[in-house]
Amino acid sequence: MSSQLTLAVVTLTGVLGLVVGSFLNVVAHRVPRGESVVRPPSACPQCHTVIRTRHNIPVLGWLVLRGRCYDCGLPISVRYPTVEAATGVLFALAGLRFADQPTLLVAYLAFAGIAVALAVIDLDVHRLPNVIVLPSYPVLGVLLALGVGGAGLLRAGVGAALLFAFFYVVAIVAPGGIGFGDVKLAGVVGGMTAAVSWGAFLTSALGGFFLGAVAGVLLMLGRRASRKTAVPFGPFMLLGAWASILGASGIGQLYLERMAMS
């Protein structure tokens, strides 16, 4: 693919990600509360005035308003543009990674949106809602089936089953370490990373635990958590997954090659 076309794909997916990120803010706020993500329209949580269309432009709207509600002047959390920008960056990186595989790109853009929504919700309420996790299996499965060959789809299925089973055993053997929401998400992560390669699968599986451990140590050193503090694991699992998908899979692949040679 030419560099101009790749740039166009990255730009378009990045802009799409900003728009999707705006919607994911609504999803992350309302889904844990059992509220509709369609109605009512987004409004200021303080004065309840419906946000004007011109102020609802991802990131730019927050910057133009200088982080304050146009009507009541109270601060608007920086979380909103952060989620929008993060989704835009992740979509752009996915566009770069799968620029020459448009059908597969759709599957990973869907996974990116799911990942951001679940990560934000887990950080907020320490839950991974079934209403998002469970439909991810058939939706992402169908999208993968359209984008990968038979061998890749079989690898994805095996990867999903393996990581699900591993997390299930961990949840049973060490209750309280991880939740069953993490177990259900593990199948999604296992399938989407194994579809790329076994190296990506292994890097993701180990990377999530590594990132979670590092974050836990840093929080304790900063006296923001203790050994008994519950730290949501979903965001680290998803961060490890995307790191492996976007390029870190070589770590796991190198390990597998060394194992095969020994």
Protein backbone atom coordinates (compact mmCIF):
# COMPACT_ATOMS: atom_id res chain seq x y z
CA MET A 1 0.00 0.00 0.00
CA SER A 2 1.31 3.47 -0.89
CA SER A 3 2.32 5.85 1.88
CA GLN A 4 -0.36 8.34 0.78
CA LEU A 5 -3.10 5.73 1.09
CA THR A 6 -1.78 4.56 4.45
CA LEU A 7 -1.78 8.17 5.69
CA ALA A 8 -5.37 8.55 4.51
CA VAL A 9 -6.42 5.40 6.38
CA VAL A 10 -4.67 6.53 9.56
CA THR A 11 -6.25 9.99 9.34
CA LEU A 12 -9.75 8.67 8.70
CA THR A 13 -9.57 6.07 11.46
CA GLY A 14 -8.16 8.67 13.86
CA VAL A 15 -11.04 11.06 13.19
CA LEU A 16 -13.51 8.19 13.48
CA GLY A 17 -11.94 7.31 16.81
CA LEU A 18 -12.49 10.83 18.14
CA VAL A 19 -16.19 10.59 17.27
CA VAL A 20 -16.50 7.09 18.70
CA GLY A 21 -14.65 8.23 21.83
CA SER A 22 -17.31 10.87 22.43
CA PHE A 23 -19.96 8.16 22.34
CA LEU A 24 -17.88 5.88 24.58
CA ASN A 25 -17.96 8.58 27.27
CA VAL A 26 -21.73 8.19 27.25
CA VAL A 27 -21.45 4.39 27.30
CA ALA A 28 -18.99 4.41 30.22
CA HIS A 29 -21.22 6.74 32.23
CA ARG A 30 -24.61 5.18 31.55
CA VAL A 31 -24.13 1.43 31.07
CA PRO A 32 -23.05 0.72 34.68
CA ARG A 33 -26.17 2.60 35.80
CA GLY A 34 -28.45 0.60 33.51
CA GLU A 35 -29.40 3.71 31.54
CA SER A 36 -30.03 4.11 27.82
CA VAL A 37 -27.06 5.26 25.75
CA VAL A 38 -29.42 6.88 23.24
CA ARG A 39 -31.78 8.97 25.33
CA PRO A 40 -31.80 11.54 26.83
CA PRO A 41 -29.25 13.68 24.98
CA SER A 42 -25.97 14.48 26.74
CA ALA A 43 -26.32 17.29 29.27
CA CYS A 44 -24.25 19.07 31.89
CA PRO A 45 -24.31 16.92 35.06
CA GLN A 46 -24.53 20.10 37.18
CA CYS A 47 -27.17 22.32 35.55
CA HIS A 48 -28.65 19.60 33.30
CA THR A 49 -28.67 21.84 30.23
CA VAL A 50 -28.46 19.82 27.01
CA ILE A 51 -25.04 20.23 25.41
CA ARG A 52 -25.22 22.23 22.20
CA THR A 53 -24.05 20.50 19.02
CA ARG A 54 -21.28 23.02 18.42
CA HIS A 55 -19.91 22.31 21.91
CA ASN A 56 -20.06 18.54 21.45
CA ILE A 57 -17.17 18.33 18.96
CA PRO A 58 -14.66 15.80 20.35
CA VAL A 59 -11.73 17.41 22.23
CA LEU A 60 -12.17 20.77 20.45
CA GLY A 61 -15.47 21.45 22.18
CA TRP A 62 -13.86 21.03 25.60
CA LEU A 63 -10.92 23.24 24.60
CA VAL A 64 -13.17 26.00 23.22
CA LEU A 65 -15.18 25.98 26.45
CA ARG A 66 -11.92 25.94 28.45
CA GLY A 67 -13.16 22.94 30.36
CA ARG A 68 -16.28 24.65 31.72
CA CYS A 69 -20.00 24.38 31.06
CA TYR A 70 -21.19 27.13 28.71
CA ASP A 71 -24.33 27.72 30.80
CA CYS A 72 -23.38 27.33 34.46
CA GLY A 73 -19.61 27.75 34.23
CA LEU A 74 -18.80 24.75 36.41
CA PRO A 75 -15.79 22.58 35.43
CA ILE A 76 -16.17 19.74 32.93
CA SER A 77 -13.97 16.78 33.80
CA VAL A 78 -10.80 16.40 31.72
CA ARG A 79 -11.71 12.75 31.46
CA TYR A 80 -14.05 13.46 28.53
CA PRO A 81 -11.46 14.82 26.08
CA THR A 82 -8.94 12.28 27.41
CA VAL A 83 -11.17 9.35 26.47
CA GLU A 84 -11.89 10.93 23.08
CA ALA A 85 -8.22 11.55 22.34
CA ALA A 86 -7.17 8.10 23.56
CA THR A 87 -9.78 6.45 21.34
CA GLY A 88 -8.65 8.54 18.38
CA VAL A 89 -5.02 7.54 18.91
CA LEU A 90 -5.88 3.85 19.31
CA PHE A 91 -8.05 3.89 16.17
CA ALA A 92 -5.25 5.62 14.23
CA LEU A 93 -2.71 3.03 15.40
CA ALA A 94 -5.06 0.23 14.42
CA GLY A 95 -5.46 1.91 11.03
CA LEU A 96 -1.70 1.96 10.63
CA ARG A 97 -1.36 -1.66 11.73
CA PHE A 98 -4.09 -3.03 9.46
CA ALA A 99 -4.06 -0.43 6.65
CA ASP A 100 -3.56 -3.13 4.02
CA GLN A 101 -6.20 -5.44 5.52
CA PRO A 102 -9.43 -3.43 5.45
CA THR A 103 -11.75 -6.26 6.47
CA LEU A 104 -9.55 -7.18 9.41
CA LEU A 105 -9.24 -3.49 10.30
CA VAL A 106 -12.98 -3.34 10.96
CA ALA A 107 -12.68 -6.16 13.49
CA TYR A 108 -9.87 -4.46 15.37
CA LEU A 109 -11.56 -1.05 15.32
CA ALA A 110 -14.55 -2.74 16.96
CA PHE A 111 -12.22 -4.34 19.50
CA ALA A 112 -10.60 -0.94 20.14
CA GLY A 113 -13.95 0.64 20.95
CA ILE A 114 -14.89 -2.25 23.23
CA ALA A 115 -11.50 -2.07 24.95
CA VAL A 116 -11.75 1.65 25.72
CA ALA A 117 -15.30 1.37 27.05
CA LEU A 118 -14.48 -1.59 29.29
CA ALA A 119 -11.24 -0.08 30.56
CA VAL A 120 -12.95 3.17 31.60
CA ILE A 121 -15.86 1.34 33.23
CA ASP A 122 -13.56 -1.03 35.12
CA LEU A 123 -11.50 1.89 36.41
CA ASP A 124 -14.70 3.64 37.50
CA VAL A 125 -16.74 0.87 39.13
CA HIS A 126 -14.46 -2.21 39.11
CA ARG A 127 -16.88 -4.11 36.88
CA LEU A 128 -16.85 -5.43 33.33
CA PRO A 129 -20.54 -5.41 32.33
CA ASN A 130 -21.88 -8.54 30.66
CA VAL A 131 -23.94 -6.32 28.36
CA ILE A 132 -20.68 -5.32 26.65
CA VAL A 133 -18.42 -8.35 27.18
CA LEU A 134 -20.76 -11.15 26.14
CA PRO A 135 -21.97 -9.66 22.81
CA SER A 136 -18.30 -9.07 21.96
CA TYR A 137 -17.85 -12.80 21.36
CA PRO A 138 -20.27 -13.19 18.43
CA VAL A 139 -19.66 -9.69 17.03
CA LEU A 140 -15.88 -9.96 16.97
CA GLY A 141 -16.08 -13.61 15.93
CA VAL A 142 -18.09 -12.76 12.82
CA LEU A 143 -15.82 -9.82 11.96
CA LEU A 144 -12.72 -11.99 12.36
CA ALA A 145 -14.28 -14.69 10.19
CA LEU A 146 -14.62 -12.13 7.40
CA GLY A 147 -11.03 -10.95 7.75
CA VAL A 148 -8.85 -13.98 8.44
CA GLY A 149 -8.42 -17.36 6.79
CA GLY A 150 -9.44 -20.68 8.25
CA ALA A 151 -6.14 -21.18 10.07
CA GLY A 152 -6.31 -17.72 11.65
CA LEU A 153 -9.90 -18.21 12.75
CA LEU A 154 -9.07 -21.61 14.26
CA ARG A 155 -6.12 -20.06 16.09
CA ALA A 156 -8.41 -17.33 17.42
CA GLY A 157 -10.90 -19.89 18.70
CA VAL A 158 -8.21 -21.94 20.41
CA GLY A 159 -6.63 -18.80 21.89
CA ALA A 160 -9.99 -17.66 23.27
CA ALA A 161 -10.62 -21.05 24.87
CA LEU A 162 -7.10 -21.31 26.33
CA LEU A 163 -7.03 -17.87 27.96
CA PHE A 164 -10.59 -18.23 29.23
CA ALA A 165 -9.72 -21.59 30.79
CA PHE A 166 -6.50 -20.25 32.32
CA PHE A 167 -8.24 -17.26 33.93
CA TYR A 168 -11.08 -19.50 35.12
CA VAL A 169 -8.61 -21.77 36.91
CA VAL A 170 -6.85 -18.75 38.46
CA ALA A 171 -10.18 -17.34 39.67
CA ILE A 172 -11.08 -20.69 41.29
CA VAL A 173 -7.67 -21.42 42.81
CA ALA A 174 -7.02 -17.87 44.05
CA PRO A 175 -10.44 -16.29 44.70
CA GLY A 176 -10.31 -12.54 45.02
CA GLY A 177 -7.27 -12.21 42.78
CA ILE A 178 -9.28 -11.68 39.63
CA GLY A 179 -13.02 -11.51 39.07
CA PHE A 180 -15.22 -13.52 36.76
CA GLY A 181 -15.64 -10.42 34.63
CA ASP A 182 -11.91 -10.74 33.90
CA VAL A 183 -12.45 -14.42 33.10
CA LYS A 184 -15.10 -13.59 30.51
CA LEU A 185 -12.99 -10.79 29.03
CA ALA A 186 -10.01 -13.17 28.81
CA GLY A 187 -11.75 -15.14 26.06
CA VAL A 188 -12.20 -12.00 23.98
CA VAL A 189 -8.58 -10.94 24.51
CA GLY A 190 -7.28 -14.43 23.79
CA GLY A 191 -9.17 -14.66 20.52
CA MET A 192 -8.25 -11.24 19.22
CA THR A 193 -4.55 -11.63 20.01
CA ALA A 194 -4.22 -15.22 18.82
CA ALA A 195 -5.80 -14.18 15.51
CA VAL A 196 -2.68 -12.05 14.98
CA SER A 197 -0.17 -14.74 16.02
CA TRP A 198 0.72 -17.06 18.89
CA GLY A 199 3.46 -14.59 19.75
CA ALA A 200 0.87 -11.85 20.20
CA PHE A 201 -1.24 -14.19 22.31
CA LEU A 202 1.62 -15.03 24.65
CA THR A 203 2.84 -11.44 24.91
CA SER A 204 -0.66 -10.29 25.77
CA ALA A 205 -1.26 -13.03 28.35
CA LEU A 206 1.97 -12.31 30.21
CA GLY A 207 1.93 -8.56 29.57
CA GLY A 208 -1.35 -8.00 31.38
CA PHE A 209 -0.02 -9.56 34.59
CA PHE A 210 3.28 -7.70 34.25
CA LEU A 211 1.61 -4.32 33.75
CA GLY A 212 -0.81 -4.98 36.60
CA ALA A 213 2.05 -5.90 38.93
CA VAL A 214 4.06 -2.80 37.99
CA ALA A 215 1.04 -0.55 38.52
CA GLY A 216 0.36 -2.16 41.90
CA VAL A 217 3.94 -1.60 43.05
CA LEU A 218 3.90 2.03 41.90
CA LEU A 219 0.61 2.68 43.69
CA MET A 220 1.99 1.21 46.91
CA LEU A 221 5.21 3.19 46.62
CA GLY A 222 3.14 6.32 46.12
CA ARG A 223 1.04 5.32 49.15
CA ARG A 224 -2.10 5.39 47.04
CA ALA A 225 -2.81 1.72 47.64
CA SER A 226 -1.96 -1.13 50.01
CA ARG A 227 -1.62 -4.87 49.43
CA LYS A 228 -5.31 -5.24 50.22
CA THR A 229 -6.46 -2.53 47.81
CA ALA A 230 -8.56 -3.89 44.93
CA VAL A 231 -7.01 -2.80 41.63
CA PRO A 232 -9.07 -3.46 38.47
CA PHE A 233 -7.25 -5.90 36.20
CA GLY A 234 -9.27 -5.40 33.01
CA PRO A 235 -7.45 -2.23 31.86
CA PHE A 236 -4.05 -3.94 32.17
CA MET A 237 -5.28 -7.01 30.31
CA LEU A 238 -6.54 -4.79 27.49
CA LEU A 239 -3.40 -2.65 27.47
CA GLY A 240 -1.27 -5.79 27.19
CA ALA A 241 -3.47 -7.04 24.38
CA TRP A 242 -3.16 -3.86 22.35
CA ALA A 243 0.57 -3.59 22.95
CA SER A 244 0.97 -7.08 21.52
CA ILE A 245 -1.34 -6.40 18.57
CA LEU A 246 0.44 -3.17 17.67
CA GLY A 247 3.97 -4.53 17.72
CA ALA A 248 5.10 -6.14 20.96
CA SER A 249 4.19 -9.63 19.75
CA GLY A 250 7.84 -10.22 18.89
CA ILE A 251 8.57 -10.76 22.59
CA GLY A 252 6.27 -13.74 22.79
CA GLN A 253 7.34 -14.99 19.36
CA LEU A 254 11.00 -14.98 20.39
CA TYR A 255 10.16 -17.02 23.49
CA LEU A 256 8.21 -19.55 21.44
CA GLU A 257 11.06 -19.92 18.96
CA ARG A 258 13.56 -20.51 21.75
CA MET A 259 11.25 -23.09 23.31
CA ALA A 260 10.96 -24.87 19.96
CA MET A 261 14.77 -24.97 19.61
CA SER A 262 15.40 -26.32 23.11
